[in-house]
Each structure stands twice: as C-alpha cells, then as structure tokens.
Amino acid sequence: MLRRTLIGLGYLHPVRLALVIATIALGCPLGASAAGGAHLGKKPPVRATFVGDSVSASVLYSSTAQRQLAKGIKVRLDLKVCRRLVQPSCPYQGRTPSTALQAVQTYGHSLGRVLIVKVGYNESASGYGKGIDQVMRAARADGARGVVWVTLRETRDTYHWTNIAIRQAAKRWPQLVVADWNAYSDGKPWFSSDGLHLSAAGAEVLAAFLRPFVLKAAATGV
C-alpha cells in the first residue's frame, strides 16, 4: 500500500515528497495540515481570579486595561469598594462587600490556577499577616498554584507596615509572588488626588504590570 502511494506521488518535489513519507510513517492522514499541528501546540490561557478593592476597580472601567491583563490569561475580576482582607468589610452605598477570604472560599475550585490579591487600603496593618495566611490556605485548598500579592502605595505609615507583612509572608509561602506596585508606581502621574485611586492610564499600567507576575505565579511549584 505504501509503495503504491509513493508511486502515485512521484511527481512531487523531493522535499515535499519527503514530508509526505514522514506523515504516512507517523500514521497521520495526508490531509492533516501544518496549521493543525501548530494548534495542538498552543497553550490554553491561565485561569485567574483578581480579588481587590476600589483601587483595583478602575480596571473594570477600562476595556484597554482588561485586554492588557487578558493576554494569555482568562481572568475573573472581583473588585469591590470597601473590601477588606479577613475582617468585615466596610459598608458602601448601603452594601457591604465580601472580604477577600470570603470571595476565595466562595469560588472554590473555580478560583483558577492563580489568585491576584490587591486589598489592604481599608484596614490597619494589625493582623494583616495572619490574614494573608488564611487567604493562602484557602486559595491552595481551592487548587490555586500561585498567588500574586500586590503591595500598597505607601501614602500612609500603616500601608508601609502592611507591605512589610506581605514580604514576610512570601518567606513563609513559596507560592506567593510579590508584585511591588509601591516601588513601580513611585513618582508616577497615574493617580487621583489621594495618590491611590487610578486614572484610566493608571488602570492600563496596572494591568500590564500585573500580567508577567500572573504568568510567573502560574509556573510556581504545587
């Protein structure tokens, strides 16, 4: 059968003929295309959940920022005004959002491969480190491979101590990747008068800033 096929293909250019022979030898149909092979090698997007407060919520209002973050990432945005880490969140316009911990627990195994956390502006640094541990345990139990924890802009002393708690937690949790937004955004004109909430340009920068950290967290050890 192979001999008859090769005789019928004898008019082909020698390079093309060699490719056909290799295809037949591997048991692939002659109609299979190179595009099909490329498709098989394409990596699926990293599934992630972004849990944040009002500082992060600017991403919700910028389609450009969302596209930046979505390059190779299928991300769920759960960004709520007045959210806290584990202590009860503060009310806003008659509603009290879930805490970051509650959000993680609610998603369960649909959380995704990576959790992104940007929470802490609505609370003191006291107990924040223990809160990180609670969220990390919940995220790991839900199957998250890595967690990206974003530092706070140090416009107040308490935010400085919160950032210290984040960095210390990274020593306890090898799955925790610190994204130092405080250092990256220092002196930049991306903020409103409070130095925290983002302009449209700032939202785009934040999304682009976070993306490589998400990919890095997805590759951390189980």
Protein backbone atom coordinates (compact mmCIF):
# COMPACT_ATOMS: atom_id res chain seq x y z
CA MET A 1 0.00 0.00 0.00
CA LEU A 2 2.78 2.42 0.93
CA ARG A 3 4.67 1.54 -2.29
CA ARG A 4 1.61 2.27 -4.47
CA THR A 5 1.03 5.59 -2.65
CA LEU A 6 4.62 6.69 -3.21
CA ILE A 7 4.46 5.77 -6.91
CA GLY A 8 1.35 7.94 -7.24
CA LEU A 9 3.17 10.85 -5.59
CA GLY A 10 6.28 10.53 -7.71
CA TYR A 11 5.68 13.88 -9.43
CA LEU A 12 6.11 15.82 -6.15
CA HIS A 13 9.14 17.97 -5.39
CA PRO A 14 11.69 15.83 -3.43
CA VAL A 15 11.31 17.95 -0.25
CA ARG A 16 7.52 17.73 -0.40
CA LEU A 17 7.74 14.01 -1.08
CA ALA A 18 9.95 13.51 1.99
CA LEU A 19 7.37 15.30 4.14
CA VAL A 20 4.57 13.09 2.81
CA ILE A 21 6.60 9.96 3.52
CA ALA A 22 7.19 11.12 7.10
CA THR A 23 3.50 11.86 7.53
CA ILE A 24 2.49 8.38 6.32
CA ALA A 25 5.10 6.75 8.55
CA LEU A 26 3.69 8.53 11.59
CA GLY A 27 0.20 7.35 10.78
CA CYS A 28 -1.14 10.86 10.10
CA PRO A 29 -3.78 11.41 7.40
CA LEU A 30 -2.48 13.03 4.21
CA GLY A 31 -4.97 15.87 4.68
CA ALA A 32 -3.52 16.95 8.02
CA SER A 33 -2.17 20.49 7.84
CA ALA A 34 0.74 22.27 9.48
CA ALA A 35 -1.79 24.67 10.96
CA GLY A 36 -3.37 21.76 12.79
CA GLY A 37 -0.03 20.87 14.34
CA ALA A 38 0.50 24.47 15.46
CA HIS A 39 -2.95 24.50 17.03
CA LEU A 40 -2.15 21.39 19.06
CA GLY A 41 0.92 23.13 20.49
CA LYS A 42 -0.94 26.27 21.58
CA LYS A 43 -1.10 26.71 25.34
CA PRO A 44 -4.50 27.33 26.93
CA PRO A 45 -4.87 30.63 28.80
CA VAL A 46 -4.02 30.74 32.50
CA ARG A 47 -7.21 30.89 34.57
CA ALA A 48 -7.01 33.51 37.32
CA THR A 49 -9.19 35.43 39.75
CA PHE A 50 -8.41 39.03 40.72
CA VAL A 51 -9.79 39.95 44.17
CA GLY A 52 -9.37 43.62 45.01
CA ASP A 53 -10.84 46.81 46.44
CA SER A 54 -11.74 50.20 44.95
CA VAL A 55 -8.13 50.97 43.98
CA SER A 56 -8.17 47.96 41.67
CA ALA A 57 -11.74 48.60 40.50
CA SER A 58 -10.57 51.16 37.93
CA VAL A 59 -9.69 48.16 35.74
CA LEU A 60 -13.43 47.49 35.44
CA TYR A 61 -13.93 50.79 33.62
CA SER A 62 -11.13 50.39 31.08
CA SER A 63 -11.53 47.91 28.25
CA THR A 64 -7.92 48.57 27.30
CA ALA A 65 -6.75 47.58 30.78
CA GLN A 66 -8.83 44.41 30.63
CA ARG A 67 -7.35 43.48 27.26
CA GLN A 68 -3.85 44.05 28.64
CA LEU A 69 -4.47 41.66 31.51
CA ALA A 70 -6.22 39.10 29.31
CA LYS A 71 -3.19 38.37 27.08
CA GLY A 72 -2.72 34.67 27.71
CA ILE A 73 -4.87 34.93 30.85
CA LYS A 74 -8.56 34.19 31.38
CA VAL A 75 -9.22 36.40 34.38
CA ARG A 76 -12.26 36.86 36.60
CA LEU A 77 -12.45 40.38 38.08
CA ASP A 78 -13.92 40.59 41.61
CA LEU A 79 -13.11 44.18 42.57
CA LYS A 80 -15.27 45.79 45.27
CA VAL A 81 -15.27 49.16 47.00
CA CYS A 82 -14.52 48.95 50.76
CA ARG A 83 -13.30 45.36 50.67
CA ARG A 84 -11.02 44.17 53.48
CA LEU A 85 -8.84 41.09 53.76
CA VAL A 86 -10.44 38.98 56.50
CA GLN A 87 -12.06 41.47 58.86
CA PRO A 88 -15.63 42.52 57.97
CA SER A 89 -15.57 44.91 55.04
CA CYS A 90 -16.80 48.49 55.40
CA PRO A 91 -20.22 49.45 54.01
CA TYR A 92 -20.53 51.50 50.84
CA GLN A 93 -23.79 52.88 49.47
CA GLY A 94 -25.81 50.55 51.66
CA ARG A 95 -23.86 47.42 50.74
CA THR A 96 -21.03 45.58 52.44
CA PRO A 97 -18.84 43.53 50.11
CA SER A 98 -17.43 40.13 50.92
CA THR A 99 -13.94 40.00 52.36
CA ALA A 100 -11.11 38.72 50.20
CA LEU A 101 -11.15 35.50 52.21
CA GLN A 102 -14.90 35.03 51.73
CA ALA A 103 -14.56 35.63 48.00
CA VAL A 104 -11.85 32.99 47.68
CA GLN A 105 -13.86 30.49 49.70
CA THR A 106 -16.97 31.15 47.62
CA TYR A 107 -15.25 30.42 44.31
CA GLY A 108 -13.91 27.09 45.48
CA HIS A 109 -12.23 25.08 42.74
CA SER A 110 -13.37 27.55 40.09
CA LEU A 111 -10.85 30.03 41.53
CA GLY A 112 -8.31 29.15 38.84
CA ARG A 113 -4.60 28.50 38.67
CA VAL A 114 -3.66 31.93 40.05
CA LEU A 115 -5.19 34.28 42.62
CA ILE A 116 -4.35 38.00 42.48
CA VAL A 117 -4.88 40.00 45.69
CA LYS A 118 -4.80 43.78 45.97
CA VAL A 119 -6.52 44.56 49.26
CA GLY A 120 -5.48 46.50 52.36
CA TYR A 121 -6.29 50.17 51.94
CA ASN A 122 -9.42 49.93 54.10
CA GLU A 123 -7.76 48.47 57.21
CA SER A 124 -4.80 48.70 59.52
CA ALA A 125 -1.68 46.56 59.27
CA SER A 126 -2.52 44.83 62.56
CA GLY A 127 -3.37 41.19 61.87
CA TYR A 128 -2.74 41.54 58.14
CA GLY A 129 -0.02 38.88 58.13
CA LYS A 130 -2.32 36.33 59.76
CA GLY A 131 -4.97 37.29 57.24
CA ILE A 132 -2.56 36.54 54.41
CA ASP A 133 -2.02 33.06 55.84
CA GLN A 134 -5.77 32.45 55.95
CA VAL A 135 -6.22 33.52 52.34
CA MET A 136 -3.22 31.48 51.22
CA ARG A 137 -4.56 28.33 52.88
CA ALA A 138 -7.97 28.86 51.29
CA ALA A 139 -6.51 29.53 47.85
CA ARG A 140 -4.28 26.47 48.00
CA ALA A 141 -7.20 24.32 49.15
CA ASP A 142 -9.15 25.58 46.13
CA GLY A 143 -6.38 24.43 43.81
CA ALA A 144 -4.55 27.70 43.12
CA ARG A 145 -0.96 27.04 42.09
CA GLY A 146 0.30 30.52 42.91
CA VAL A 147 -0.86 33.82 44.42
CA VAL A 148 0.17 37.29 43.26
CA TRP A 149 0.07 39.72 46.18
CA VAL A 150 0.25 43.39 45.22
CA THR A 151 1.93 45.86 47.58
CA LEU A 152 0.13 49.03 48.61
CA ARG A 153 1.07 52.58 47.75
CA GLU A 154 2.71 53.87 50.92
CA THR A 155 0.80 57.13 51.25
CA ARG A 156 0.28 56.35 54.97
CA ASP A 157 2.53 54.74 57.58
CA THR A 158 0.11 51.86 58.05
CA TYR A 159 0.50 50.89 54.38
CA HIS A 160 4.25 50.64 54.88
CA TRP A 161 3.71 48.09 57.65
CA THR A 162 1.19 46.22 55.54
CA ASN A 163 3.82 45.88 52.82
CA ILE A 164 6.28 44.50 55.35
CA ALA A 165 3.68 41.86 56.28
CA ILE A 166 3.31 40.95 52.59
CA ARG A 167 7.06 40.50 52.12
CA GLN A 168 7.36 38.45 55.30
CA ALA A 169 4.52 36.20 54.14
CA ALA A 170 6.44 35.47 50.93
CA LYS A 171 9.14 33.88 53.08
CA ARG A 172 6.54 31.53 54.58
CA TRP A 173 4.75 30.76 51.33
CA PRO A 174 6.86 29.82 48.29
CA GLN A 175 3.69 30.04 46.18
CA LEU A 176 3.30 33.76 46.97
CA VAL A 177 4.70 36.15 44.35
CA VAL A 178 5.06 39.77 45.48
CA ALA A 179 4.20 42.38 42.83
CA ASP A 180 5.76 45.58 44.18
CA TRP A 181 3.32 48.17 42.90
CA ASN A 182 4.55 50.66 45.51
CA ALA A 183 8.05 50.73 44.03
CA TYR A 184 6.91 50.54 40.41
CA SER A 185 4.45 53.42 40.69
CA ASP A 186 6.61 55.72 42.80
CA GLY A 187 6.52 59.27 41.46
CA LYS A 188 4.26 58.40 38.53
CA PRO A 189 1.29 60.59 37.44
CA TRP A 190 -1.27 57.78 37.30
CA PHE A 191 -3.35 58.71 40.33
CA SER A 192 -6.13 60.93 41.61
CA SER A 193 -5.52 63.50 44.34
CA ASP A 194 -5.40 60.81 47.07
CA GLY A 195 -2.40 59.18 45.43
CA LEU A 196 -4.16 55.79 45.45
CA HIS A 197 -7.08 55.59 43.03
CA LEU A 198 -6.11 55.26 39.41
CA SER A 199 -6.74 57.28 36.30
CA ALA A 200 -7.62 55.47 33.07
CA ALA A 201 -3.94 55.48 32.12
CA GLY A 202 -3.07 54.14 35.56
CA ALA A 203 -5.53 51.27 35.19
CA GLU A 204 -3.86 50.27 31.93
CA VAL A 205 -0.42 50.43 33.52
CA LEU A 206 -1.56 48.32 36.49
CA ALA A 207 -2.95 45.64 34.19
CA ALA A 208 0.23 45.50 32.11
CA PHE A 209 2.31 45.47 35.31
CA LEU A 210 0.41 42.51 36.79
CA ARG A 211 0.42 40.24 33.74
CA PRO A 212 4.00 38.88 33.99
CA PHE A 213 3.55 38.24 37.72
CA VAL A 214 0.44 36.17 36.98
CA LEU A 215 2.35 34.07 34.44
CA LYS A 216 5.19 33.63 36.92
CA ALA A 217 2.79 32.55 39.69
CA ALA A 218 1.18 30.03 37.33
CA ALA A 219 4.55 28.35 36.95
CA THR A 220 5.36 28.08 40.66
CA GLY A 221 5.59 24.68 42.36
CA VAL A 222 2.49 22.87 43.54
